[in-house]
Amino acid sequence: MSTTPISAAADPISPLPADDPDIFELDLRGLRQRWGSAATRPAIGSEAMTGADLRAQKMGIRGQFLMEHAGAAVAAAVKAIAEATGRWKKGPILILSGPGNNGGDGFVAARYLARAGADVAVVLVSSSARPSTPDAARNWDRLDPEPGVARIHASSGLELRVLGKDIDRASIVVDSLLGTGVSGELRDPIRSAVELVQRARTAKVPIVAVDTPTAVDLTSGDPSDPVVQADLTVTFHRPKRGLITKRGAALAGKVLVAPIGIPLEADRG
């Protein structure tokens, strides 16, 4: 599988996911070993992660760069769990993406998965027909020419219920709906998308969450209502406090910590 090199000397962990095509041949254990240094860093919460991200961008690390590595890491993890469960290429991979940067990570993952040979359906779950951030919008547009990707816009609970009618046929469902900053009960269409993920899990479809299962607070681990329960969560840069609490860990499933190129200096704000 070919990738476009995305390079930076900012992070001592090398190569980063988008620069490392070999990760698409690794199983989950191999990915854990590959990114082991990231997993051994001290855990941080939501606000600290947001601060590190912002400081990294002020240091010249573009958000698009971080998103590319995050999406590549998610794609490798999705392929690994699909192969481990005998579901790789046994049905479409469904990626449910919110309008923000968490959704953008899902768009990038869709591109890598399609180029690895999977059939991918990406759903923009939003009242707006366009993602809400420039980086997410750019990666949404990049999916247009990809032959293995079907782009779908779902703006209502009804559309998501129709979409989920045959959810048991999906090989994997990816939750890239919401990342940090969730508080209170979810509202439609995100709420209906989470309920769709719950139905997929009931149908024994493996669930992979991006950064955090939607509605799990990355600092406390407390869930909102409704909440995603994942089989695997791919989080970024450092372990997250909320995912190692008792409640958070139960909802996150197995956790991989992937480096995405945030300099360690960006943690010192």
Protein backbone atom coordinates (compact mmCIF):
# COMPACT_ATOMS: atom_id res chain seq x y z
CA MET A 1 0.00 0.00 0.00
CA SER A 2 1.44 3.40 -0.94
CA THR A 3 1.29 6.48 1.22
CA THR A 4 2.40 10.05 0.80
CA PRO A 5 5.31 10.79 3.16
CA ILE A 6 4.36 13.20 5.93
CA SER A 7 7.53 13.98 7.83
CA ALA A 8 8.52 15.91 10.92
CA ALA A 9 11.38 15.68 13.35
CA ALA A 10 9.23 17.08 16.15
CA ASP A 11 8.43 13.75 17.81
CA PRO A 12 11.19 11.27 18.73
CA ILE A 13 8.91 8.37 17.81
CA SER A 14 9.62 7.53 14.18
CA PRO A 15 8.25 6.71 11.73
CA LEU A 16 4.83 8.25 12.27
CA PRO A 17 1.78 6.32 11.01
CA ALA A 18 1.34 8.00 7.61
CA ASP A 19 5.06 7.49 6.92
CA ASP A 20 4.96 3.82 7.89
CA PRO A 21 3.23 1.59 5.31
CA ASP A 22 4.34 -1.51 7.23
CA ILE A 23 1.73 -0.82 9.92
CA PHE A 24 -0.93 -2.11 7.52
CA GLU A 25 0.65 -5.56 7.76
CA LEU A 26 0.69 -5.63 11.57
CA ASP A 27 -1.83 -7.18 13.93
CA LEU A 28 -3.05 -5.36 17.04
CA ARG A 29 -0.18 -6.69 19.12
CA GLY A 30 2.28 -5.51 16.51
CA LEU A 31 0.72 -2.04 16.44
CA ARG A 32 0.89 -1.86 20.22
CA GLN A 33 4.58 -2.70 20.08
CA ARG A 34 5.20 -0.28 17.20
CA TRP A 35 3.68 2.61 19.14
CA GLY A 36 4.80 1.42 22.55
CA SER A 37 6.69 4.59 23.46
CA ALA A 38 3.52 6.68 23.15
CA ALA A 39 1.64 4.31 25.45
CA THR A 40 4.25 4.67 28.19
CA ARG A 41 3.89 8.45 28.46
CA PRO A 42 1.97 9.90 31.42
CA ALA A 43 -1.77 10.13 30.86
CA ILE A 44 -3.43 13.49 30.25
CA GLY A 45 -6.98 14.81 30.19
CA SER A 46 -9.09 16.58 27.62
CA GLU A 47 -7.97 20.14 28.32
CA ALA A 48 -4.30 19.21 28.36
CA MET A 49 -4.65 17.40 25.04
CA THR A 50 -6.42 20.36 23.46
CA GLY A 51 -3.66 22.63 24.74
CA ALA A 52 -0.93 20.38 23.35
CA ASP A 53 -2.65 20.31 19.98
CA LEU A 54 -2.96 24.10 19.87
CA ARG A 55 0.63 24.66 21.00
CA ALA A 56 1.87 22.20 18.37
CA GLN A 57 0.10 24.20 15.68
CA LYS A 58 1.59 27.43 17.02
CA MET A 59 4.98 25.74 16.70
CA GLY A 60 4.30 25.18 13.01
CA ILE A 61 2.82 21.66 13.05
CA ARG A 62 -0.20 21.92 10.77
CA GLY A 63 -3.52 20.45 11.83
CA GLN A 64 -3.69 18.67 8.48
CA PHE A 65 -0.42 16.90 9.32
CA LEU A 66 -1.77 15.69 12.68
CA MET A 67 -5.03 14.55 11.09
CA GLU A 68 -3.21 12.57 8.41
CA HIS A 69 -1.23 10.60 10.96
CA ALA A 70 -4.27 10.07 13.19
CA GLY A 71 -6.35 8.75 10.30
CA ALA A 72 -3.57 6.45 9.10
CA ALA A 73 -3.27 5.01 12.61
CA VAL A 74 -7.03 4.40 12.81
CA ALA A 75 -7.03 2.71 9.41
CA ALA A 76 -4.23 0.33 10.41
CA ALA A 77 -6.07 -0.56 13.62
CA VAL A 78 -9.35 -1.13 11.77
CA LYS A 79 -7.64 -3.43 9.28
CA ALA A 80 -5.96 -5.32 12.12
CA ILE A 81 -9.17 -5.93 14.06
CA ALA A 82 -11.04 -6.85 10.88
CA GLU A 83 -8.41 -9.47 10.05
CA ALA A 84 -8.32 -10.74 13.63
CA THR A 85 -12.08 -11.32 13.57
CA GLY A 86 -12.17 -12.76 10.05
CA ARG A 87 -14.17 -9.79 8.74
CA TRP A 88 -11.67 -8.08 6.43
CA LYS A 89 -13.34 -7.59 3.03
CA LYS A 90 -16.38 -9.55 4.27
CA GLY A 91 -18.61 -6.45 4.15
CA PRO A 92 -18.35 -2.69 4.00
CA ILE A 93 -16.57 -0.73 6.69
CA LEU A 94 -18.99 1.89 7.99
CA ILE A 95 -17.44 5.10 9.31
CA LEU A 96 -19.80 7.43 11.17
CA SER A 97 -18.18 10.86 11.28
CA GLY A 98 -19.18 14.05 13.00
CA PRO A 99 -18.62 17.46 11.40
CA GLY A 100 -15.46 18.35 13.35
CA ASN A 101 -11.88 17.17 13.43
CA ASN A 102 -12.76 13.81 15.00
CA GLY A 103 -14.83 13.20 11.89
CA GLY A 104 -11.89 14.39 9.80
CA ASP A 105 -9.74 11.62 11.29
CA GLY A 106 -12.41 9.21 10.08
CA PHE A 107 -12.29 10.68 6.56
CA VAL A 108 -8.53 10.13 6.42
CA ALA A 109 -8.95 6.57 7.70
CA ALA A 110 -11.50 5.92 4.95
CA ARG A 111 -8.98 6.93 2.29
CA TYR A 112 -6.30 4.59 3.63
CA LEU A 113 -8.72 1.70 4.07
CA ALA A 114 -10.07 2.05 0.54
CA ARG A 115 -6.54 2.07 -0.84
CA ALA A 116 -5.87 -1.10 1.15
CA GLY A 117 -8.73 -2.76 -0.73
CA ALA A 118 -11.74 -2.31 1.54
CA ASP A 119 -15.20 -1.09 0.58
CA VAL A 120 -15.89 1.91 2.78
CA ALA A 121 -19.06 3.89 3.46
CA VAL A 122 -18.45 7.22 5.18
CA VAL A 123 -21.38 9.03 6.73
CA LEU A 124 -21.15 12.74 7.55
CA VAL A 125 -23.51 12.98 10.51
CA SER A 126 -24.44 16.64 10.63
CA SER A 127 -27.25 19.07 10.01
CA SER A 128 -24.87 20.78 7.57
CA ALA A 129 -23.83 19.23 4.27
CA ARG A 130 -20.21 20.26 4.86
CA PRO A 131 -17.81 19.51 7.74
CA SER A 132 -17.36 22.42 10.11
CA THR A 133 -13.55 22.70 10.19
CA PRO A 134 -11.18 23.41 7.30
CA ASP A 135 -9.06 20.29 7.83
CA ALA A 136 -12.08 18.00 8.04
CA ALA A 137 -13.66 19.63 4.96
CA ARG A 138 -10.45 19.18 2.99
CA ASN A 139 -10.34 15.46 3.78
CA TRP A 140 -14.05 15.05 3.02
CA ASP A 141 -13.41 16.49 -0.43
CA ARG A 142 -10.41 14.23 -0.96
CA LEU A 143 -12.73 11.23 -0.72
CA ASP A 144 -14.74 12.27 -3.77
CA PRO A 145 -12.45 10.61 -6.37
CA GLU A 146 -11.77 7.50 -4.29
CA PRO A 147 -13.42 4.51 -6.05
CA GLY A 148 -13.67 2.42 -2.90
CA VAL A 149 -15.46 5.07 -0.82
CA ALA A 150 -19.15 5.95 -0.77
CA ARG A 151 -19.84 9.35 0.81
CA ILE A 152 -23.21 9.76 2.52
CA HIS A 153 -24.71 12.75 4.33
CA ALA A 154 -27.17 12.00 7.15
CA SER A 155 -28.79 15.02 8.76
CA SER A 156 -31.60 13.36 10.70
CA GLY A 157 -32.43 10.46 12.93
CA LEU A 158 -34.74 9.06 10.26
CA GLU A 159 -31.96 8.92 7.68
CA LEU A 160 -29.70 7.14 10.15
CA ARG A 161 -32.38 4.61 11.04
CA VAL A 162 -32.83 3.82 7.34
CA LEU A 163 -29.07 3.56 6.94
CA GLY A 164 -28.85 1.14 9.85
CA LYS A 165 -31.46 -1.26 8.51
CA ASP A 166 -28.76 -3.71 7.36
CA ILE A 167 -26.13 -2.81 9.94
CA ASP A 168 -25.34 -6.48 10.56
CA ARG A 169 -23.77 -6.62 7.08
CA ALA A 170 -21.03 -4.18 8.02
CA SER A 171 -17.64 -5.71 8.72
CA ILE A 172 -16.54 -2.98 11.15
CA VAL A 173 -18.18 0.22 12.41
CA VAL A 174 -15.93 3.18 13.16
CA ASP A 175 -17.08 5.84 15.62
CA SER A 176 -15.49 9.17 14.68
CA LEU A 177 -18.48 11.23 15.75
CA LEU A 178 -17.18 13.33 18.64
CA GLY A 179 -13.84 13.61 20.39
CA THR A 180 -13.14 15.90 23.30
CA GLY A 181 -15.53 18.39 24.81
CA VAL A 182 -18.71 16.33 25.11
CA SER A 183 -21.04 17.38 27.92
CA GLY A 184 -24.70 16.71 28.61
CA GLU A 185 -27.08 14.54 26.63
CA LEU A 186 -26.41 14.09 22.93
CA ARG A 187 -28.75 15.64 20.38
CA ASP A 188 -29.72 14.46 16.93
CA PRO A 189 -28.35 13.57 14.51
CA ILE A 190 -25.35 12.53 16.66
CA ARG A 191 -27.66 10.84 19.17
CA SER A 192 -29.21 8.62 16.50
CA ALA A 193 -25.75 7.80 15.14
CA VAL A 194 -24.68 6.60 18.59
CA GLU A 195 -27.82 4.50 18.80
CA LEU A 196 -26.88 3.03 15.41
CA VAL A 197 -23.45 2.09 16.79
CA GLN A 198 -25.19 0.44 19.73
CA ARG A 199 -27.33 -1.63 17.32
CA ALA A 200 -24.21 -2.65 15.42
CA ARG A 201 -22.61 -3.86 18.64
CA THR A 202 -25.74 -5.85 19.48
CA ALA A 203 -25.39 -7.44 16.03
CA LYS A 204 -21.82 -8.40 17.03
CA VAL A 205 -20.16 -5.99 14.60
CA PRO A 206 -16.80 -4.84 16.07
CA ILE A 207 -16.71 -1.16 17.01
CA VAL A 208 -13.57 0.98 16.71
CA ALA A 209 -13.63 4.42 18.35
CA VAL A 210 -11.47 7.35 17.28
CA ASP A 211 -9.72 9.08 20.20
CA THR A 212 -12.55 8.24 22.60
CA PRO A 213 -15.88 6.42 22.35
CA THR A 214 -18.43 9.15 21.66
CA ALA A 215 -19.81 10.62 24.89
CA VAL A 216 -16.99 9.32 27.13
CA ASP A 217 -15.19 12.22 28.80
CA LEU A 218 -11.44 11.98 28.21
CA THR A 219 -10.66 13.45 31.62
CA SER A 220 -13.12 11.74 33.96
CA GLY A 221 -14.24 8.72 31.96
CA ASP A 222 -17.84 9.63 32.75
CA PRO A 223 -20.33 8.89 29.95
CA SER A 224 -23.10 11.06 28.61
CA ASP A 225 -26.34 9.58 27.29
CA PRO A 226 -26.37 7.63 25.05
CA VAL A 227 -22.77 6.43 24.85
CA VAL A 228 -20.68 4.28 22.52
CA GLN A 229 -19.16 1.09 23.87
CA ALA A 230 -16.17 0.17 21.71
CA ASP A 231 -14.17 -3.00 21.24
CA LEU A 232 -11.09 -0.95 20.38
CA THR A 233 -10.22 2.72 20.87
CA VAL A 234 -7.36 4.42 19.03
CA THR A 235 -6.30 7.50 20.96
CA PHE A 236 -3.47 9.86 20.14
CA HIS A 237 -0.20 11.27 21.48
CA ARG A 238 -0.60 10.14 25.10
CA PRO A 239 -2.86 7.83 27.11
CA LYS A 240 -5.99 9.62 28.31
CA ARG A 241 -7.03 9.72 31.93
CA GLY A 242 -10.66 9.11 31.12
CA LEU A 243 -9.87 5.88 29.30
CA ILE A 244 -8.05 4.34 32.27
CA THR A 245 -10.78 5.00 34.84
CA LYS A 246 -12.99 2.02 35.63
CA ARG A 247 -15.98 3.36 33.66
CA GLY A 248 -13.93 4.73 30.79
CA ALA A 249 -11.90 1.55 30.36
CA ALA A 250 -15.08 -0.54 30.27
CA LEU A 251 -16.41 1.58 27.40
CA ALA A 252 -13.14 1.96 25.50
CA GLY A 253 -12.31 -1.74 25.17
CA LYS A 254 -8.72 -2.33 24.11
CA VAL A 255 -6.79 0.93 23.72
CA LEU A 256 -4.00 1.77 21.31
CA VAL A 257 -2.05 5.01 21.75
CA ALA A 258 -0.72 6.25 18.42
CA PRO A 259 1.87 8.99 17.92
CA ILE A 260 0.75 11.68 15.48
CA GLY A 261 3.65 14.12 15.52
CA ILE A 262 2.85 16.44 18.41
CA PRO A 263 6.19 17.56 19.82
CA LEU A 264 6.76 16.67 23.45
CA GLU A 265 7.57 20.34 24.01
CA ALA A 266 3.92 21.12 23.20
CA ASP A 267 2.88 19.41 26.43
CA ARG A 268 4.60 22.11 28.46
CA GLY A 269 2.15 24.96 28.42
